[in-house]
């Protein structure tokens, strides 16, 4: 099937905004190479601290994923045959720290308030903000995000655009419901791929919400990496790491139709018989060979984990449906620390 190219009005291959950094400072910043000049990371629960050589200024990012908002109204009645299962999936949860009862809307509002209090420079939302593409939930979330006054950057997850049992390929369903419902959250950026400079860090957002990477996304990633700026990669589906389940499915060698156990319950197109495309596998390799990449941030798995490959960490975040988030500080490395560790 020939893929349609979509999001015509969405700033294709956009380099995005530059937040809090001047053109002169960007031009003066040396190309980052963390293979030669490694960063140092401290992990304290959901708080992550980077010490980064040659970083120009402190940056704080809140990473939020898997909120699974399920609010709906009369507009969703005609879609209930497709939304019914997921509409009941996360109505009540337990807070990831306290264990107290909570629910996705309460958890999301609390997280946004923490982001305000902590003066986050950006909020990154890596998918499954919604359990299905409910107009009511999307409008509610958009309003809450806009009121924070904090720049936010969204890419979709596999549930955000999926009405279970609706006819169409995964690619077609993603295109349809991003265009018809989710597009305001991208604020003019290309939903498949966009990059934003946040105080000198290049935050690259790639939509891999059905596990695969498209050729234009691979080309975009390589072009962004080539710029040499300190770089973060935001996606929904985590990249394969040895010993991990198929949930870490982007580039997983066992991703194929035979191993797809959830396509019937999710009422969706089955994974390809022969597994990943060569483009997806090339993307996986390219990511872990990017010398200026500070890390990958993803979700989907609904628990916090860390994998480290080729000097590059991949952080997965606890589901925001239960209040989870990562509070990530990027600090310029002190000169005294450079000498101690080099």
C-alpha atoms as a PDB file:
ATOM      1  CA  UNK A   1       0.000   0.000   0.000  1.00  0.00           C
ATOM      2  CA  UNK A   2       1.335   3.397  -0.916  1.00  0.00           C
ATOM      3  CA  UNK A   3       1.617   5.640   2.114  1.00  0.00           C
ATOM      4  CA  UNK A   4       0.109   9.085   1.924  1.00  0.00           C
ATOM      5  CA  UNK A   5       2.212  12.011   3.028  1.00  0.00           C
ATOM      6  CA  UNK A   6       0.172  14.004   5.477  1.00  0.00           C
ATOM      7  CA  UNK A   7       0.286  16.906   7.961  1.00  0.00           C
ATOM      8  CA  UNK A   8       0.611  19.334   5.048  1.00  0.00           C
ATOM      9  CA  UNK A   9       0.236  22.376   7.273  1.00  0.00           C
ATOM     10  CA  UNK A  10       2.421  21.186  10.098  1.00  0.00           C
ATOM     11  CA  UNK A  11       5.843  22.674   9.450  1.00  0.00           C
ATOM     12  CA  UNK A  12       7.439  19.639   7.813  1.00  0.00           C
ATOM     13  CA  UNK A  13      10.950  18.811   9.002  1.00  0.00           C
ATOM     14  CA  UNK A  14      10.754  21.754  11.344  1.00  0.00           C
ATOM     15  CA  UNK A  15      13.704  22.716  13.483  1.00  0.00           C
ATOM     16  CA  UNK A  16      11.184  24.163  15.890  1.00  0.00           C
ATOM     17  CA  UNK A  17      11.600  27.005  18.348  1.00  0.00           C
ATOM     18  CA  UNK A  18      14.714  28.125  20.159  1.00  0.00           C
ATOM     19  CA  UNK A  19      13.771  28.654  23.800  1.00  0.00           C
ATOM     20  CA  UNK A  20      15.926  30.756  26.069  1.00  0.00           C
ATOM     21  CA  UNK A  21      19.065  30.798  23.932  1.00  0.00           C
ATOM     22  CA  UNK A  22      20.398  33.389  21.493  1.00  0.00           C
ATOM     23  CA  UNK A  23      21.547  32.700  17.951  1.00  0.00           C
ATOM     24  CA  UNK A  24      25.011  33.905  18.911  1.00  0.00           C
ATOM     25  CA  UNK A  25      25.244  31.463  21.791  1.00  0.00           C
ATOM     26  CA  UNK A  26      24.083  28.610  19.565  1.00  0.00           C
ATOM     27  CA  UNK A  27      26.686  29.458  16.950  1.00  0.00           C
ATOM     28  CA  UNK A  28      29.455  29.668  19.544  1.00  0.00           C
ATOM     29  CA  UNK A  29      28.650  26.352  21.217  1.00  0.00           C
ATOM     30  CA  UNK A  30      31.200  23.651  20.293  1.00  0.00           C
ATOM     31  CA  UNK A  31      29.942  20.390  18.828  1.00  0.00           C
ATOM     32  CA  UNK A  32      29.173  17.897  21.573  1.00  0.00           C
ATOM     33  CA  UNK A  33      30.967  14.548  21.647  1.00  0.00           C
ATOM     34  CA  UNK A  34      30.071  12.498  24.695  1.00  0.00           C
ATOM     35  CA  UNK A  35      32.142   9.545  23.541  1.00  0.00           C
ATOM     36  CA  UNK A  36      35.253  11.696  24.059  1.00  0.00           C
ATOM     37  CA  UNK A  37      33.895  13.895  26.855  1.00  0.00           C
ATOM     38  CA  UNK A  38      31.322  11.824  28.800  1.00  0.00           C
ATOM     39  CA  UNK A  39      28.565  13.241  30.940  1.00  0.00           C
ATOM     40  CA  UNK A  40      27.818  11.990  34.464  1.00  0.00           C
ATOM     41  CA  UNK A  41      24.335  11.003  35.654  1.00  0.00           C
ATOM     42  CA  UNK A  42      22.895  10.704  39.138  1.00  0.00           C
ATOM     43  CA  UNK A  43      19.590   8.884  39.674  1.00  0.00           C
ATOM     44  CA  UNK A  44      17.553   9.442  42.819  1.00  0.00           C
ATOM     45  CA  UNK A  45      14.164   7.819  42.277  1.00  0.00           C
ATOM     46  CA  UNK A  46      12.285   9.933  39.754  1.00  0.00           C
ATOM     47  CA  UNK A  47      14.858  12.740  39.903  1.00  0.00           C
ATOM     48  CA  UNK A  48      17.648  12.569  37.330  1.00  0.00           C
ATOM     49  CA  UNK A  49      20.686  14.874  37.341  1.00  0.00           C
ATOM     50  CA  UNK A  50      23.072  15.182  34.417  1.00  0.00           C
ATOM     51  CA  UNK A  51      26.450  16.919  34.656  1.00  0.00           C
ATOM     52  CA  UNK A  52      27.317  17.775  31.064  1.00  0.00           C
ATOM     53  CA  UNK A  53      30.672  19.013  29.704  1.00  0.00           C
ATOM     54  CA  UNK A  54      30.495  22.370  27.897  1.00  0.00           C
ATOM     55  CA  UNK A  55      26.765  22.852  28.494  1.00  0.00           C
ATOM     56  CA  UNK A  56      26.059  26.579  28.436  1.00  0.00           C
ATOM     57  CA  UNK A  57      23.381  26.773  31.155  1.00  0.00           C
ATOM     58  CA  UNK A  58      21.130  24.748  33.449  1.00  0.00           C
ATOM     59  CA  UNK A  59      18.061  23.149  31.862  1.00  0.00           C
ATOM     60  CA  UNK A  60      15.147  21.433  33.629  1.00  0.00           C
ATOM     61  CA  UNK A  61      12.810  19.135  31.721  1.00  0.00           C
ATOM     62  CA  UNK A  62       9.775  17.289  33.078  1.00  0.00           C
ATOM     63  CA  UNK A  63       9.180  14.036  31.228  1.00  0.00           C
ATOM     64  CA  UNK A  64       5.560  12.841  31.300  1.00  0.00           C
ATOM     65  CA  UNK A  65       4.132   9.781  29.590  1.00  0.00           C
ATOM     66  CA  UNK A  66       1.158   7.394  29.731  1.00  0.00           C
ATOM     67  CA  UNK A  67      -1.433   9.569  31.468  1.00  0.00           C
ATOM     68  CA  UNK A  68      -4.304   7.686  29.797  1.00  0.00           C
ATOM     69  CA  UNK A  69      -6.961  10.368  30.137  1.00  0.00           C
ATOM     70  CA  UNK A  70     -10.392   8.889  29.410  1.00  0.00           C
ATOM     71  CA  UNK A  71     -12.860  11.773  29.839  1.00  0.00           C
ATOM     72  CA  UNK A  72     -15.611  11.608  27.207  1.00  0.00           C
ATOM     73  CA  UNK A  73     -18.931  13.283  26.419  1.00  0.00           C
ATOM     74  CA  UNK A  74     -21.893  12.972  24.054  1.00  0.00           C
ATOM     75  CA  UNK A  75     -19.603  13.390  21.043  1.00  0.00           C
ATOM     76  CA  UNK A  76     -18.009  10.064  21.890  1.00  0.00           C
ATOM     77  CA  UNK A  77     -21.214   8.014  22.094  1.00  0.00           C
ATOM     78  CA  UNK A  78     -21.043   6.874  18.468  1.00  0.00           C
ATOM     79  CA  UNK A  79     -17.461   5.661  19.032  1.00  0.00           C
ATOM     80  CA  UNK A  80     -18.147   3.599  22.166  1.00  0.00           C
ATOM     81  CA  UNK A  81     -17.873   0.285  20.327  1.00  0.00           C
ATOM     82  CA  UNK A  82     -14.228   1.254  19.686  1.00  0.00           C
ATOM     83  CA  UNK A  83     -13.417   3.047  22.957  1.00  0.00           C
ATOM     84  CA  UNK A  84     -15.222   0.848  25.490  1.00  0.00           C
ATOM     85  CA  UNK A  85     -12.331  -1.313  26.735  1.00  0.00           C
ATOM     86  CA  UNK A  86      -9.816   1.499  27.166  1.00  0.00           C
ATOM     87  CA  UNK A  87     -12.443   3.844  28.642  1.00  0.00           C
ATOM     88  CA  UNK A  88     -12.506   1.546  31.679  1.00  0.00           C
ATOM     89  CA  UNK A  89      -8.791   0.733  31.860  1.00  0.00           C
ATOM     90  CA  UNK A  90      -7.389   3.487  34.123  1.00  0.00           C
ATOM     91  CA  UNK A  91     -10.365   5.008  35.925  1.00  0.00           C
ATOM     92  CA  UNK A  92      -8.714   4.539  39.321  1.00  0.00           C
ATOM     93  CA  UNK A  93      -5.002   4.149  40.020  1.00  0.00           C
ATOM     94  CA  UNK A  94      -2.575   4.228  42.949  1.00  0.00           C
ATOM     95  CA  UNK A  95      -0.045   7.022  43.243  1.00  0.00           C
ATOM     96  CA  UNK A  96       3.456   5.903  42.268  1.00  0.00           C
ATOM     97  CA  UNK A  97       4.998   7.375  45.448  1.00  0.00           C
ATOM     98  CA  UNK A  98       2.339   7.311  48.165  1.00  0.00           C
ATOM     99  CA  UNK A  99       0.224   4.347  47.073  1.00  0.00           C
ATOM    100  CA  UNK A 100      -2.870   6.451  47.757  1.00  0.00           C
ATOM    101  CA  UNK A 101      -5.852   6.283  45.377  1.00  0.00           C
ATOM    102  CA  UNK A 102      -5.758   8.733  42.484  1.00  0.00           C
ATOM    103  CA  UNK A 103      -6.916   8.962  38.877  1.00  0.00           C
ATOM    104  CA  UNK A 104      -5.409  10.244  35.611  1.00  0.00           C
ATOM    105  CA  UNK A 105      -6.888  13.761  35.655  1.00  0.00           C
ATOM    106  CA  UNK A 106      -5.858  14.379  39.254  1.00  0.00           C
ATOM    107  CA  UNK A 107      -2.392  12.987  38.560  1.00  0.00           C
ATOM    108  CA  UNK A 108      -1.931  15.105  35.441  1.00  0.00           C
ATOM    109  CA  UNK A 109      -2.968  18.336  37.147  1.00  0.00           C
ATOM    110  CA  UNK A 110      -0.664  17.587  40.083  1.00  0.00           C
ATOM    111  CA  UNK A 111       2.248  16.964  37.713  1.00  0.00           C
ATOM    112  CA  UNK A 112       1.663  20.240  35.890  1.00  0.00           C
ATOM    113  CA  UNK A 113       1.609  22.054  39.226  1.00  0.00           C
ATOM    114  CA  UNK A 114       4.950  20.463  40.161  1.00  0.00           C
ATOM    115  CA  UNK A 115       6.358  21.598  36.819  1.00  0.00           C
ATOM    116  CA  UNK A 116       5.253  25.160  37.622  1.00  0.00           C
ATOM    117  CA  UNK A 117       6.693  25.059  41.130  1.00  0.00           C
ATOM    118  CA  UNK A 118       9.982  23.617  39.894  1.00  0.00           C
ATOM    119  CA  UNK A 119      10.163  26.223  37.098  1.00  0.00           C
ATOM    120  CA  UNK A 120      10.597  23.603  34.392  1.00  0.00           C
ATOM    121  CA  UNK A 121      11.940  24.918  31.108  1.00  0.00           C
ATOM    122  CA  UNK A 122       9.863  22.401  29.150  1.00  0.00           C
ATOM    123  CA  UNK A 123       7.444  19.510  29.555  1.00  0.00           C
ATOM    124  CA  UNK A 124       7.912  16.568  27.190  1.00  0.00           C
ATOM    125  CA  UNK A 125       4.885  14.329  26.627  1.00  0.00           C
ATOM    126  CA  UNK A 126       5.821  11.058  24.937  1.00  0.00           C
ATOM    127  CA  UNK A 127       2.495   9.489  24.185  1.00  0.00           C
ATOM    128  CA  UNK A 128      -0.581   7.769  25.532  1.00  0.00           C
ATOM    129  CA  UNK A 129      -1.718  11.037  27.010  1.00  0.00           C
ATOM    130  CA  UNK A 130      -5.140   9.601  26.126  1.00  0.00           C
ATOM    131  CA  UNK A 131      -6.612   6.113  26.261  1.00  0.00           C
ATOM    132  CA  UNK A 132      -8.412   6.787  22.955  1.00  0.00           C
ATOM    133  CA  UNK A 133      -8.837   9.942  20.834  1.00  0.00           C
ATOM    134  CA  UNK A 134     -11.648  11.483  22.863  1.00  0.00           C
ATOM    135  CA  UNK A 135     -12.485  15.053  21.873  1.00  0.00           C
ATOM    136  CA  UNK A 136     -13.425  15.912  25.450  1.00  0.00           C
ATOM    137  CA  UNK A 137     -10.163  14.580  26.888  1.00  0.00           C
ATOM    138  CA  UNK A 138      -8.032  16.294  24.243  1.00  0.00           C
ATOM    139  CA  UNK A 139      -9.723  19.647  24.820  1.00  0.00           C
ATOM    140  CA  UNK A 140      -9.348  19.282  28.592  1.00  0.00           C
ATOM    141  CA  UNK A 141      -5.637  18.414  28.389  1.00  0.00           C
ATOM    142  CA  UNK A 142      -4.911  21.177  25.869  1.00  0.00           C
ATOM    143  CA  UNK A 143      -6.511  23.748  28.175  1.00  0.00           C
ATOM    144  CA  UNK A 144      -4.531  22.540  31.204  1.00  0.00           C
ATOM    145  CA  UNK A 145      -1.239  22.546  29.283  1.00  0.00           C
ATOM    146  CA  UNK A 146      -1.783  26.012  27.834  1.00  0.00           C
ATOM    147  CA  UNK A 147      -2.526  27.441  31.279  1.00  0.00           C
ATOM    148  CA  UNK A 148       0.837  26.311  32.678  1.00  0.00           C
ATOM    149  CA  UNK A 149       2.713  28.872  30.603  1.00  0.00           C
ATOM    150  CA  UNK A 150       5.456  26.248  30.167  1.00  0.00           C
ATOM    151  CA  UNK A 151       6.522  25.138  26.672  1.00  0.00           C
ATOM    152  CA  UNK A 152       5.357  21.576  26.071  1.00  0.00           C
ATOM    153  CA  UNK A 153       6.213  19.109  23.330  1.00  0.00           C
ATOM    154  CA  UNK A 154       3.968  16.174  22.504  1.00  0.00           C
ATOM    155  CA  UNK A 155       4.293  13.085  20.356  1.00  0.00           C
ATOM    156  CA  UNK A 156       1.654  10.375  20.135  1.00  0.00           C
ATOM    157  CA  UNK A 157       1.499   6.909  21.631  1.00  0.00           C
ATOM    158  CA  UNK A 158      -0.281   3.832  20.330  1.00  0.00           C
ATOM    159  CA  UNK A 159      -3.500   4.566  22.268  1.00  0.00           C
ATOM    160  CA  UNK A 160      -3.773   8.288  21.517  1.00  0.00           C
ATOM    161  CA  UNK A 161      -5.059   7.700  17.998  1.00  0.00           C
ATOM    162  CA  UNK A 162      -6.395   4.141  18.259  1.00  0.00           C
ATOM    163  CA  UNK A 163     -10.076   3.258  18.253  1.00  0.00           C
ATOM    164  CA  UNK A 164     -10.011  -0.491  18.847  1.00  0.00           C
ATOM    165  CA  UNK A 165     -11.647  -2.464  16.061  1.00  0.00           C
ATOM    166  CA  UNK A 166     -11.962   0.449  13.663  1.00  0.00           C
ATOM    167  CA  UNK A 167     -11.073  -0.450  10.083  1.00  0.00           C
ATOM    168  CA  UNK A 168      -7.783   0.779   8.683  1.00  0.00           C
ATOM    169  CA  UNK A 169      -4.067   0.175   8.913  1.00  0.00           C
ATOM    170  CA  UNK A 170      -2.145   1.527  11.881  1.00  0.00           C
ATOM    171  CA  UNK A 171      -0.620   4.164   9.629  1.00  0.00           C
ATOM    172  CA  UNK A 172      -4.039   5.235   8.331  1.00  0.00           C
ATOM    173  CA  UNK A 173      -5.595   5.385  11.801  1.00  0.00           C
ATOM    174  CA  UNK A 174      -2.689   7.419  13.147  1.00  0.00           C
ATOM    175  CA  UNK A 175      -3.015   9.855  10.248  1.00  0.00           C
ATOM    176  CA  UNK A 176      -6.781  10.156  10.584  1.00  0.00           C
ATOM    177  CA  UNK A 177      -7.033  10.828  14.307  1.00  0.00           C
ATOM    178  CA  UNK A 178      -3.986  13.047  14.579  1.00  0.00           C
ATOM    179  CA  UNK A 179      -5.457  15.195  11.814  1.00  0.00           C
ATOM    180  CA  UNK A 180      -9.007  15.166  13.172  1.00  0.00           C
ATOM    181  CA  UNK A 181      -8.356  15.380  16.923  1.00  0.00           C
ATOM    182  CA  UNK A 182      -4.756  15.658  18.146  1.00  0.00           C
ATOM    183  CA  UNK A 183      -3.271  18.274  15.831  1.00  0.00           C
ATOM    184  CA  UNK A 184      -3.664  21.300  18.188  1.00  0.00           C
ATOM    185  CA  UNK A 185      -1.236  19.693  20.651  1.00  0.00           C
ATOM    186  CA  UNK A 186       1.589  19.980  18.108  1.00  0.00           C
ATOM    187  CA  UNK A 187       1.242  23.763  17.750  1.00  0.00           C
ATOM    188  CA  UNK A 188       2.156  23.757  14.079  1.00  0.00           C
ATOM    189  CA  UNK A 189       4.968  21.210  14.236  1.00  0.00           C
ATOM    190  CA  UNK A 190       5.080  18.061  12.102  1.00  0.00           C
ATOM    191  CA  UNK A 191       3.520  15.305  14.260  1.00  0.00           C
ATOM    192  CA  UNK A 192       5.828  12.636  12.854  1.00  0.00           C
ATOM    193  CA  UNK A 193       9.092  14.434  13.630  1.00  0.00           C
ATOM    194  CA  UNK A 194      10.188  17.771  14.967  1.00  0.00           C
ATOM    195  CA  UNK A 195      12.990  19.298  16.975  1.00  0.00           C
ATOM    196  CA  UNK A 196      13.010  22.178  19.444  1.00  0.00           C
ATOM    197  CA  UNK A 197      15.982  23.917  21.015  1.00  0.00           C
ATOM    198  CA  UNK A 198      15.502  24.272  24.776  1.00  0.00           C
ATOM    199  CA  UNK A 199      18.258  26.514  26.165  1.00  0.00           C
ATOM    200  CA  UNK A 200      20.921  24.885  24.016  1.00  0.00           C
ATOM    201  CA  UNK A 201      19.645  21.286  24.094  1.00  0.00           C
ATOM    202  CA  UNK A 202      18.138  19.946  20.874  1.00  0.00           C
ATOM    203  CA  UNK A 203      14.985  18.032  21.874  1.00  0.00           C
ATOM    204  CA  UNK A 204      14.092  15.694  18.994  1.00  0.00           C
ATOM    205  CA  UNK A 205      10.594  14.179  18.926  1.00  0.00           C
ATOM    206  CA  UNK A 206       9.951  11.111  16.768  1.00  0.00           C
ATOM    207  CA  UNK A 207       6.571   9.360  16.516  1.00  0.00           C
ATOM    208  CA  UNK A 208       7.213   5.605  16.597  1.00  0.00           C
ATOM    209  CA  UNK A 209       3.817   4.812  18.073  1.00  0.00           C
ATOM    210  CA  UNK A 210       3.300   1.675  16.004  1.00  0.00           C
ATOM    211  CA  UNK A 211       6.871   0.457  16.624  1.00  0.00           C
ATOM    212  CA  UNK A 212       8.217   1.371  13.178  1.00  0.00           C
ATOM    213  CA  UNK A 213      10.316   4.237  11.797  1.00  0.00           C
ATOM    214  CA  UNK A 214       9.603   5.769   8.393  1.00  0.00           C
ATOM    215  CA  UNK A 215      12.397   6.670   5.940  1.00  0.00           C
ATOM    216  CA  UNK A 216      11.715  10.394   6.322  1.00  0.00           C
ATOM    217  CA  UNK A 217      11.995  10.064  10.105  1.00  0.00           C
ATOM    218  CA  UNK A 218      15.359   8.326   9.825  1.00  0.00           C
ATOM    219  CA  UNK A 219      16.628  11.061   7.503  1.00  0.00           C
ATOM    220  CA  UNK A 220      15.338  13.723   9.894  1.00  0.00           C
ATOM    221  CA  UNK A 221      17.018  12.107  12.891  1.00  0.00           C
ATOM    222  CA  UNK A 222      20.358  11.867  11.093  1.00  0.00           C
ATOM    223  CA  UNK A 223      20.140  15.507  10.024  1.00  0.00           C
ATOM    224  CA  UNK A 224      19.432  16.630  13.590  1.00  0.00           C
ATOM    225  CA  UNK A 225      22.262  14.501  14.988  1.00  0.00           C
ATOM    226  CA  UNK A 226      24.658  15.952  12.433  1.00  0.00           C
ATOM    227  CA  UNK A 227      24.154  19.433  13.907  1.00  0.00           C
ATOM    228  CA  UNK A 228      26.305  18.317  16.827  1.00  0.00           C
ATOM    229  CA  UNK A 229      24.287  20.067  19.539  1.00  0.00           C
ATOM    230  CA  UNK A 230      23.569  18.371  22.880  1.00  0.00           C
ATOM    231  CA  UNK A 231      20.567  16.241  21.967  1.00  0.00           C
ATOM    232  CA  UNK A 232      17.670  14.345  23.541  1.00  0.00           C
ATOM    233  CA  UNK A 233      15.398  11.845  21.780  1.00  0.00           C
ATOM    234  CA  UNK A 234      11.734  11.649  22.819  1.00  0.00           C
ATOM    235  CA  UNK A 235       9.572   8.712  21.662  1.00  0.00           C
ATOM    236  CA  UNK A 236       6.738   6.555  22.949  1.00  0.00           C
ATOM    237  CA  UNK A 237       7.950   3.026  22.183  1.00  0.00           C
ATOM    238  CA  UNK A 238      11.333   2.329  23.807  1.00  0.00           C
ATOM    239  CA  UNK A 239      14.247   1.016  21.813  1.00  0.00           C
ATOM    240  CA  UNK A 240      15.228  -2.634  22.086  1.00  0.00           C
ATOM    241  CA  UNK A 241      17.780  -3.462  24.766  1.00  0.00           C
ATOM    242  CA  UNK A 242      19.138  -6.967  25.490  1.00  0.00           C
ATOM    243  CA  UNK A 243      16.997  -8.963  27.891  1.00  0.00           C
ATOM    244  CA  UNK A 244      13.995  -6.679  27.558  1.00  0.00           C
ATOM    245  CA  UNK A 245      10.485  -7.709  26.546  1.00  0.00           C
ATOM    246  CA  UNK A 246       8.778  -6.960  23.249  1.00  0.00           C
ATOM    247  CA  UNK A 247       7.377  -3.826  24.833  1.00  0.00           C
ATOM    248  CA  UNK A 248      10.820  -2.382  24.139  1.00  0.00           C
ATOM    249  CA  UNK A 249       9.768  -2.974  20.606  1.00  0.00           C
ATOM    250  CA  UNK A 250      11.439  -0.399  18.371  1.00  0.00           C
ATOM    251  CA  UNK A 251      14.213  -2.443  16.794  1.00  0.00           C
ATOM    252  CA  UNK A 252      13.439  -5.622  18.758  1.00  0.00           C
ATOM    253  CA  UNK A 253      14.697  -8.705  16.843  1.00  0.00           C
ATOM    254  CA  UNK A 254      11.646 -10.753  17.911  1.00  0.00           C
ATOM    255  CA  UNK A 255       9.071  -8.207  16.724  1.00  0.00           C
ATOM    256  CA  UNK A 256       6.937 -10.101  14.186  1.00  0.00           C
ATOM    257  CA  UNK A 257       3.441 -11.490  13.609  1.00  0.00           C
ATOM    258  CA  UNK A 258       4.165 -14.770  15.378  1.00  0.00           C
ATOM    259  CA  UNK A 259       5.050 -12.956  18.610  1.00  0.00           C
ATOM    260  CA  UNK A 260       2.206 -10.423  18.533  1.00  0.00           C
ATOM    261  CA  UNK A 261       0.049 -11.575  21.458  1.00  0.00           C
ATOM    262  CA  UNK A 262      -2.121  -8.483  21.840  1.00  0.00           C
ATOM    263  CA  UNK A 263      -3.502  -7.770  18.380  1.00  0.00           C
ATOM    264  CA  UNK A 264      -6.775  -9.592  19.069  1.00  0.00           C
ATOM    265  CA  UNK A 265      -7.576  -7.939  22.403  1.00  0.00           C
ATOM    266  CA  UNK A 266      -6.545  -4.547  20.983  1.00  0.00           C
ATOM    267  CA  UNK A 267      -8.472  -5.311  17.764  1.00  0.00           C
ATOM    268  CA  UNK A 268      -5.789  -3.925  15.501  1.00  0.00           C
ATOM    269  CA  UNK A 269      -3.640  -4.834  12.546  1.00  0.00           C
ATOM    270  CA  UNK A 270      -1.172  -7.606  13.372  1.00  0.00           C
ATOM    271  CA  UNK A 271       2.567  -6.912  13.364  1.00  0.00           C
ATOM    272  CA  UNK A 272       4.345  -7.668  10.050  1.00  0.00           C
ATOM    273  CA  UNK A 273       5.108 -11.307   9.298  1.00  0.00           C
ATOM    274  CA  UNK A 274       8.784 -10.586   8.659  1.00  0.00           C
ATOM    275  CA  UNK A 275       9.323  -8.144  11.500  1.00  0.00           C
ATOM    276  CA  UNK A 276      10.823  -4.700  11.355  1.00  0.00           C
ATOM    277  CA  UNK A 277      11.699  -2.776   8.241  1.00  0.00           C
ATOM    278  CA  UNK A 278      15.367  -2.227   7.474  1.00  0.00           C
ATOM    279  CA  UNK A 279      14.726   1.475   8.139  1.00  0.00           C
ATOM    280  CA  UNK A 280      13.686   0.778  11.731  1.00  0.00           C
ATOM    281  CA  UNK A 281      16.741  -1.382  12.343  1.00  0.00           C
ATOM    282  CA  UNK A 282      19.012   1.279  10.845  1.00  0.00           C
ATOM    283  CA  UNK A 283      17.394   3.887  13.102  1.00  0.00           C
ATOM    284  CA  UNK A 284      18.062   1.753  16.182  1.00  0.00           C
ATOM    285  CA  UNK A 285      21.716   1.461  15.235  1.00  0.00           C
ATOM    286  CA  UNK A 286      22.011   5.155  14.392  1.00  0.00           C
ATOM    287  CA  UNK A 287      20.610   6.251  17.752  1.00  0.00           C
ATOM    288  CA  UNK A 288      23.126   4.278  19.780  1.00  0.00           C
ATOM    289  CA  UNK A 289      25.964   5.574  17.624  1.00  0.00           C
ATOM    290  CA  UNK A 290      25.078   9.250  18.070  1.00  0.00           C
ATOM    291  CA  UNK A 291      28.006  10.832  19.881  1.00  0.00           C
ATOM    292  CA  UNK A 292      26.106  13.992  20.897  1.00  0.00           C
ATOM    293  CA  UNK A 293      23.038  12.174  22.298  1.00  0.00           C
ATOM    294  CA  UNK A 294      22.419  12.713  26.013  1.00  0.00           C
ATOM    295  CA  UNK A 295      19.696  10.101  26.217  1.00  0.00           C
ATOM    296  CA  UNK A 296      16.435   8.585  25.051  1.00  0.00           C
ATOM    297  CA  UNK A 297      13.215   9.199  27.006  1.00  0.00           C
ATOM    298  CA  UNK A 298      10.229   6.924  26.365  1.00  0.00           C
ATOM    299  CA  UNK A 299       7.208   5.308  27.994  1.00  0.00           C
ATOM    300  CA  UNK A 300       4.774   2.553  27.016  1.00  0.00           C
ATOM    301  CA  UNK A 301       6.007   0.012  29.593  1.00  0.00           C
ATOM    302  CA  UNK A 302       4.332   1.708  32.593  1.00  0.00           C
ATOM    303  CA  UNK A 303       7.336   1.485  34.897  1.00  0.00           C
ATOM    304  CA  UNK A 304      10.566   3.349  35.456  1.00  0.00           C
ATOM    305  CA  UNK A 305      13.617   1.592  34.032  1.00  0.00           C
ATOM    306  CA  UNK A 306      17.072   2.485  32.732  1.00  0.00           C
ATOM    307  CA  UNK A 307      19.099   0.762  30.048  1.00  0.00           C
ATOM    308  CA  UNK A 308      22.565   1.909  29.047  1.00  0.00           C
ATOM    309  CA  UNK A 309      24.005   1.001  25.659  1.00  0.00           C
ATOM    310  CA  UNK A 310      27.081   2.371  23.894  1.00  0.00           C
ATOM    311  CA  UNK A 311      27.338   5.123  26.501  1.00  0.00           C
ATOM    312  CA  UNK A 312      23.745   6.265  25.905  1.00  0.00           C
ATOM    313  CA  UNK A 313      21.039   5.907  28.587  1.00  0.00           C
ATOM    314  CA  UNK A 314      17.418   5.123  27.829  1.00  0.00           C
ATOM    315  CA  UNK A 315      15.023   6.254  30.557  1.00  0.00           C
ATOM    316  CA  UNK A 316      11.471   4.954  30.808  1.00  0.00           C
ATOM    317  CA  UNK A 317       9.110   6.808  33.103  1.00  0.00           C
ATOM    318  CA  UNK A 318       6.430   5.563  35.490  1.00  0.00           C
ATOM    319  CA  UNK A 319       2.935   6.128  34.077  1.00  0.00           C
ATOM    320  CA  UNK A 320       1.502   9.545  34.727  1.00  0.00           C
ATOM    321  CA  UNK A 321      -1.884   7.838  35.177  1.00  0.00           C
ATOM    322  CA  UNK A 322      -0.443   7.006  38.609  1.00  0.00           C
ATOM    323  CA  UNK A 323       1.270  10.370  39.028  1.00  0.00           C
ATOM    324  CA  UNK A 324       4.611   9.310  37.556  1.00  0.00           C
ATOM    325  CA  UNK A 325       7.055  11.691  35.906  1.00  0.00           C
ATOM    326  CA  UNK A 326      10.785  12.300  35.649  1.00  0.00           C
ATOM    327  CA  UNK A 327      12.306  15.552  36.896  1.00  0.00           C
ATOM    328  CA  UNK A 328      15.480  15.896  34.827  1.00  0.00           C
ATOM    329  CA  UNK A 329      18.161  18.521  35.457  1.00  0.00           C
ATOM    330  CA  UNK A 330      20.970  19.150  32.984  1.00  0.00           C
ATOM    331  CA  UNK A 331      23.806  21.014  34.689  1.00  0.00           C
ATOM    332  CA  UNK A 332      27.032  22.409  33.225  1.00  0.00           C
ATOM    333  CA  UNK A 333      29.852  20.218  34.525  1.00  0.00           C
ATOM    334  CA  UNK A 334      32.173  21.991  36.943  1.00  0.00           C
ATOM    335  CA  UNK A 335      35.753  22.369  35.757  1.00  0.00           C
ATOM    336  CA  UNK A 336      37.002  20.617  38.890  1.00  0.00           C
ATOM    337  CA  UNK A 337      34.811  17.600  38.090  1.00  0.00           C
ATOM    338  CA  UNK A 338      36.105  17.484  34.524  1.00  0.00           C
ATOM    339  CA  UNK A 339      39.634  16.988  35.810  1.00  0.00           C
ATOM    340  CA  UNK A 340      38.571  14.349  38.340  1.00  0.00           C
ATOM    341  CA  UNK A 341      36.862  12.177  35.725  1.00  0.00           C
ATOM    342  CA  UNK A 342      39.049  12.659  32.675  1.00  0.00           C
END
